[in-house]
């Protein structure tokens, strides 16, 4: 018999039936995937690392570091027009790149990426 990490509040609790510790059941891992890949929009694909943010229009942007295939990607996303989705421009190591998919680079490399939403 295994130890069950989930607790459900009993009848005497103010929140009868409420499950606790959902982070122990995998919820936290899936929440991380949702936030990193579908809100911040940093999605690993076969073609490369796709950057397609879908953020609240109130956000000015964000910065993050993503290690993928052994390389480090320092990513800055700017949202000057306060949009929720869309990539207007991308630069990689200061050079303009068309599209929003970063090609893989050798492990150990560091890549500076700037995205302007639009």
C-alpha atoms as a PDB file:
ATOM      1  CA  UNK A   1       0.000   0.000   0.000  1.00  0.00           C
ATOM      2  CA  UNK A   2       1.340   3.447  -0.875  1.00  0.00           C
ATOM      3  CA  UNK A   3       1.015   6.631   1.104  1.00  0.00           C
ATOM      4  CA  UNK A   4      -1.629   8.910  -0.465  1.00  0.00           C
ATOM      5  CA  UNK A   5      -0.457  12.553  -0.557  1.00  0.00           C
ATOM      6  CA  UNK A   6      -3.968  13.932  -0.995  1.00  0.00           C
ATOM      7  CA  UNK A   7      -6.217  15.141   1.827  1.00  0.00           C
ATOM      8  CA  UNK A   8      -9.916  15.806   1.531  1.00  0.00           C
ATOM      9  CA  UNK A   9     -11.622  17.954   4.180  1.00  0.00           C
ATOM     10  CA  UNK A  10     -14.119  15.993   6.313  1.00  0.00           C
ATOM     11  CA  UNK A  11     -17.704  16.792   7.311  1.00  0.00           C
ATOM     12  CA  UNK A  12     -16.700  18.902  10.306  1.00  0.00           C
ATOM     13  CA  UNK A  13     -14.489  21.180   8.185  1.00  0.00           C
ATOM     14  CA  UNK A  14     -15.703  24.589   7.000  1.00  0.00           C
ATOM     15  CA  UNK A  15     -14.757  23.537   3.468  1.00  0.00           C
ATOM     16  CA  UNK A  16     -16.233  20.012   3.481  1.00  0.00           C
ATOM     17  CA  UNK A  17     -15.132  17.990   0.462  1.00  0.00           C
ATOM     18  CA  UNK A  18     -12.330  20.360  -0.560  1.00  0.00           C
ATOM     19  CA  UNK A  19      -9.168  18.587  -1.693  1.00  0.00           C
ATOM     20  CA  UNK A  20      -5.862  19.876  -0.380  1.00  0.00           C
ATOM     21  CA  UNK A  21      -2.277  19.550  -1.615  1.00  0.00           C
ATOM     22  CA  UNK A  22      -3.177  19.365  -5.299  1.00  0.00           C
ATOM     23  CA  UNK A  23       0.440  20.274  -6.059  1.00  0.00           C
ATOM     24  CA  UNK A  24       1.345  16.765  -4.952  1.00  0.00           C
ATOM     25  CA  UNK A  25      -0.829  15.257  -7.676  1.00  0.00           C
ATOM     26  CA  UNK A  26       0.876  16.830 -10.679  1.00  0.00           C
ATOM     27  CA  UNK A  27      -1.176  20.010 -10.839  1.00  0.00           C
ATOM     28  CA  UNK A  28       1.877  22.194 -10.257  1.00  0.00           C
ATOM     29  CA  UNK A  29       3.780  20.590 -13.118  1.00  0.00           C
ATOM     30  CA  UNK A  30       0.906  21.105 -15.545  1.00  0.00           C
ATOM     31  CA  UNK A  31       0.435  24.676 -14.330  1.00  0.00           C
ATOM     32  CA  UNK A  32       4.105  25.335 -15.080  1.00  0.00           C
ATOM     33  CA  UNK A  33       3.630  23.956 -18.609  1.00  0.00           C
ATOM     34  CA  UNK A  34       0.526  26.120 -19.109  1.00  0.00           C
ATOM     35  CA  UNK A  35       2.239  29.296 -17.905  1.00  0.00           C
ATOM     36  CA  UNK A  36       5.597  28.793 -19.613  1.00  0.00           C
ATOM     37  CA  UNK A  37       4.397  27.407 -22.935  1.00  0.00           C
ATOM     38  CA  UNK A  38       0.976  28.968 -23.478  1.00  0.00           C
ATOM     39  CA  UNK A  39       0.981  32.277 -21.578  1.00  0.00           C
ATOM     40  CA  UNK A  40       4.636  33.271 -21.778  1.00  0.00           C
ATOM     41  CA  UNK A  41       4.657  31.345 -25.058  1.00  0.00           C
ATOM     42  CA  UNK A  42       8.061  29.656 -24.925  1.00  0.00           C
ATOM     43  CA  UNK A  43       7.325  26.362 -26.693  1.00  0.00           C
ATOM     44  CA  UNK A  44       9.882  23.702 -27.618  1.00  0.00           C
ATOM     45  CA  UNK A  45       9.135  22.287 -31.083  1.00  0.00           C
ATOM     46  CA  UNK A  46      10.936  20.023 -33.524  1.00  0.00           C
ATOM     47  CA  UNK A  47      11.831  23.067 -35.670  1.00  0.00           C
ATOM     48  CA  UNK A  48      13.187  25.122 -32.770  1.00  0.00           C
ATOM     49  CA  UNK A  49      12.148  27.158 -29.758  1.00  0.00           C
ATOM     50  CA  UNK A  50       8.937  28.971 -30.651  1.00  0.00           C
ATOM     51  CA  UNK A  51       8.157  32.272 -28.941  1.00  0.00           C
ATOM     52  CA  UNK A  52       4.481  33.195 -29.122  1.00  0.00           C
ATOM     53  CA  UNK A  53       3.375  35.044 -25.962  1.00  0.00           C
ATOM     54  CA  UNK A  54      -0.283  35.435 -25.029  1.00  0.00           C
ATOM     55  CA  UNK A  55      -0.226  37.766 -22.031  1.00  0.00           C
ATOM     56  CA  UNK A  56      -2.699  40.171 -20.416  1.00  0.00           C
ATOM     57  CA  UNK A  57      -2.682  43.527 -22.217  1.00  0.00           C
ATOM     58  CA  UNK A  58      -1.769  45.248 -18.946  1.00  0.00           C
ATOM     59  CA  UNK A  59       1.680  43.642 -18.989  1.00  0.00           C
ATOM     60  CA  UNK A  60       4.544  45.741 -20.355  1.00  0.00           C
ATOM     61  CA  UNK A  61       6.448  42.547 -21.122  1.00  0.00           C
ATOM     62  CA  UNK A  62       8.733  40.168 -19.261  1.00  0.00           C
ATOM     63  CA  UNK A  63      12.201  38.655 -19.196  1.00  0.00           C
ATOM     64  CA  UNK A  64      13.166  35.057 -18.666  1.00  0.00           C
ATOM     65  CA  UNK A  65      15.986  32.587 -19.029  1.00  0.00           C
ATOM     66  CA  UNK A  66      15.216  29.290 -20.754  1.00  0.00           C
ATOM     67  CA  UNK A  67      17.654  26.418 -21.041  1.00  0.00           C
ATOM     68  CA  UNK A  68      16.804  24.269 -24.030  1.00  0.00           C
ATOM     69  CA  UNK A  69      18.896  21.502 -25.588  1.00  0.00           C
ATOM     70  CA  UNK A  70      21.814  22.600 -23.404  1.00  0.00           C
ATOM     71  CA  UNK A  71      21.841  26.222 -24.604  1.00  0.00           C
ATOM     72  CA  UNK A  72      20.713  29.222 -22.559  1.00  0.00           C
ATOM     73  CA  UNK A  73      18.245  31.652 -24.090  1.00  0.00           C
ATOM     74  CA  UNK A  74      18.031  35.070 -22.414  1.00  0.00           C
ATOM     75  CA  UNK A  75      14.635  36.303 -23.624  1.00  0.00           C
ATOM     76  CA  UNK A  76      13.194  39.818 -23.326  1.00  0.00           C
ATOM     77  CA  UNK A  77       9.615  40.363 -24.478  1.00  0.00           C
ATOM     78  CA  UNK A  78       8.401  43.946 -24.858  1.00  0.00           C
ATOM     79  CA  UNK A  79       4.747  44.876 -25.216  1.00  0.00           C
ATOM     80  CA  UNK A  80       4.757  48.624 -25.967  1.00  0.00           C
ATOM     81  CA  UNK A  81       1.259  48.654 -27.498  1.00  0.00           C
ATOM     82  CA  UNK A  82      -0.229  46.563 -24.665  1.00  0.00           C
ATOM     83  CA  UNK A  83      -1.507  43.776 -26.884  1.00  0.00           C
ATOM     84  CA  UNK A  84      -2.401  40.275 -25.803  1.00  0.00           C
ATOM     85  CA  UNK A  85      -0.868  38.316 -28.683  1.00  0.00           C
ATOM     86  CA  UNK A  86       1.361  38.654 -31.714  1.00  0.00           C
ATOM     87  CA  UNK A  87       5.048  39.019 -32.535  1.00  0.00           C
ATOM     88  CA  UNK A  88       6.004  42.067 -34.600  1.00  0.00           C
ATOM     89  CA  UNK A  89       9.778  41.695 -34.465  1.00  0.00           C
ATOM     90  CA  UNK A  90      12.440  39.341 -33.154  1.00  0.00           C
ATOM     91  CA  UNK A  91      16.179  39.859 -32.871  1.00  0.00           C
ATOM     92  CA  UNK A  92      18.706  37.197 -31.985  1.00  0.00           C
ATOM     93  CA  UNK A  93      22.044  38.433 -30.688  1.00  0.00           C
ATOM     94  CA  UNK A  94      21.101  41.880 -32.033  1.00  0.00           C
ATOM     95  CA  UNK A  95      20.287  40.692 -35.575  1.00  0.00           C
ATOM     96  CA  UNK A  96      16.734  40.777 -36.970  1.00  0.00           C
ATOM     97  CA  UNK A  97      15.188  37.376 -37.610  1.00  0.00           C
ATOM     98  CA  UNK A  98      11.970  36.696 -39.507  1.00  0.00           C
ATOM     99  CA  UNK A  99       9.299  34.645 -37.802  1.00  0.00           C
ATOM    100  CA  UNK A 100       9.229  33.601 -34.175  1.00  0.00           C
ATOM    101  CA  UNK A 101      11.087  30.274 -34.101  1.00  0.00           C
ATOM    102  CA  UNK A 102      14.657  30.140 -32.803  1.00  0.00           C
ATOM    103  CA  UNK A 103      16.873  27.574 -34.465  1.00  0.00           C
ATOM    104  CA  UNK A 104      18.732  25.257 -32.095  1.00  0.00           C
ATOM    105  CA  UNK A 105      22.292  26.287 -31.219  1.00  0.00           C
ATOM    106  CA  UNK A 106      25.154  24.203 -29.801  1.00  0.00           C
ATOM    107  CA  UNK A 107      24.923  23.197 -26.154  1.00  0.00           C
ATOM    108  CA  UNK A 108      26.763  25.625 -23.909  1.00  0.00           C
ATOM    109  CA  UNK A 109      25.852  28.641 -26.060  1.00  0.00           C
ATOM    110  CA  UNK A 110      24.042  31.697 -24.730  1.00  0.00           C
ATOM    111  CA  UNK A 111      21.582  33.467 -27.017  1.00  0.00           C
ATOM    112  CA  UNK A 112      20.175  36.965 -26.448  1.00  0.00           C
ATOM    113  CA  UNK A 113      16.619  37.208 -27.804  1.00  0.00           C
ATOM    114  CA  UNK A 114      14.410  40.274 -27.994  1.00  0.00           C
ATOM    115  CA  UNK A 115      10.758  40.087 -28.979  1.00  0.00           C
ATOM    116  CA  UNK A 116       8.524  43.083 -29.662  1.00  0.00           C
ATOM    117  CA  UNK A 117       4.863  42.184 -29.585  1.00  0.00           C
ATOM    118  CA  UNK A 118       2.657  43.629 -32.253  1.00  0.00           C
END
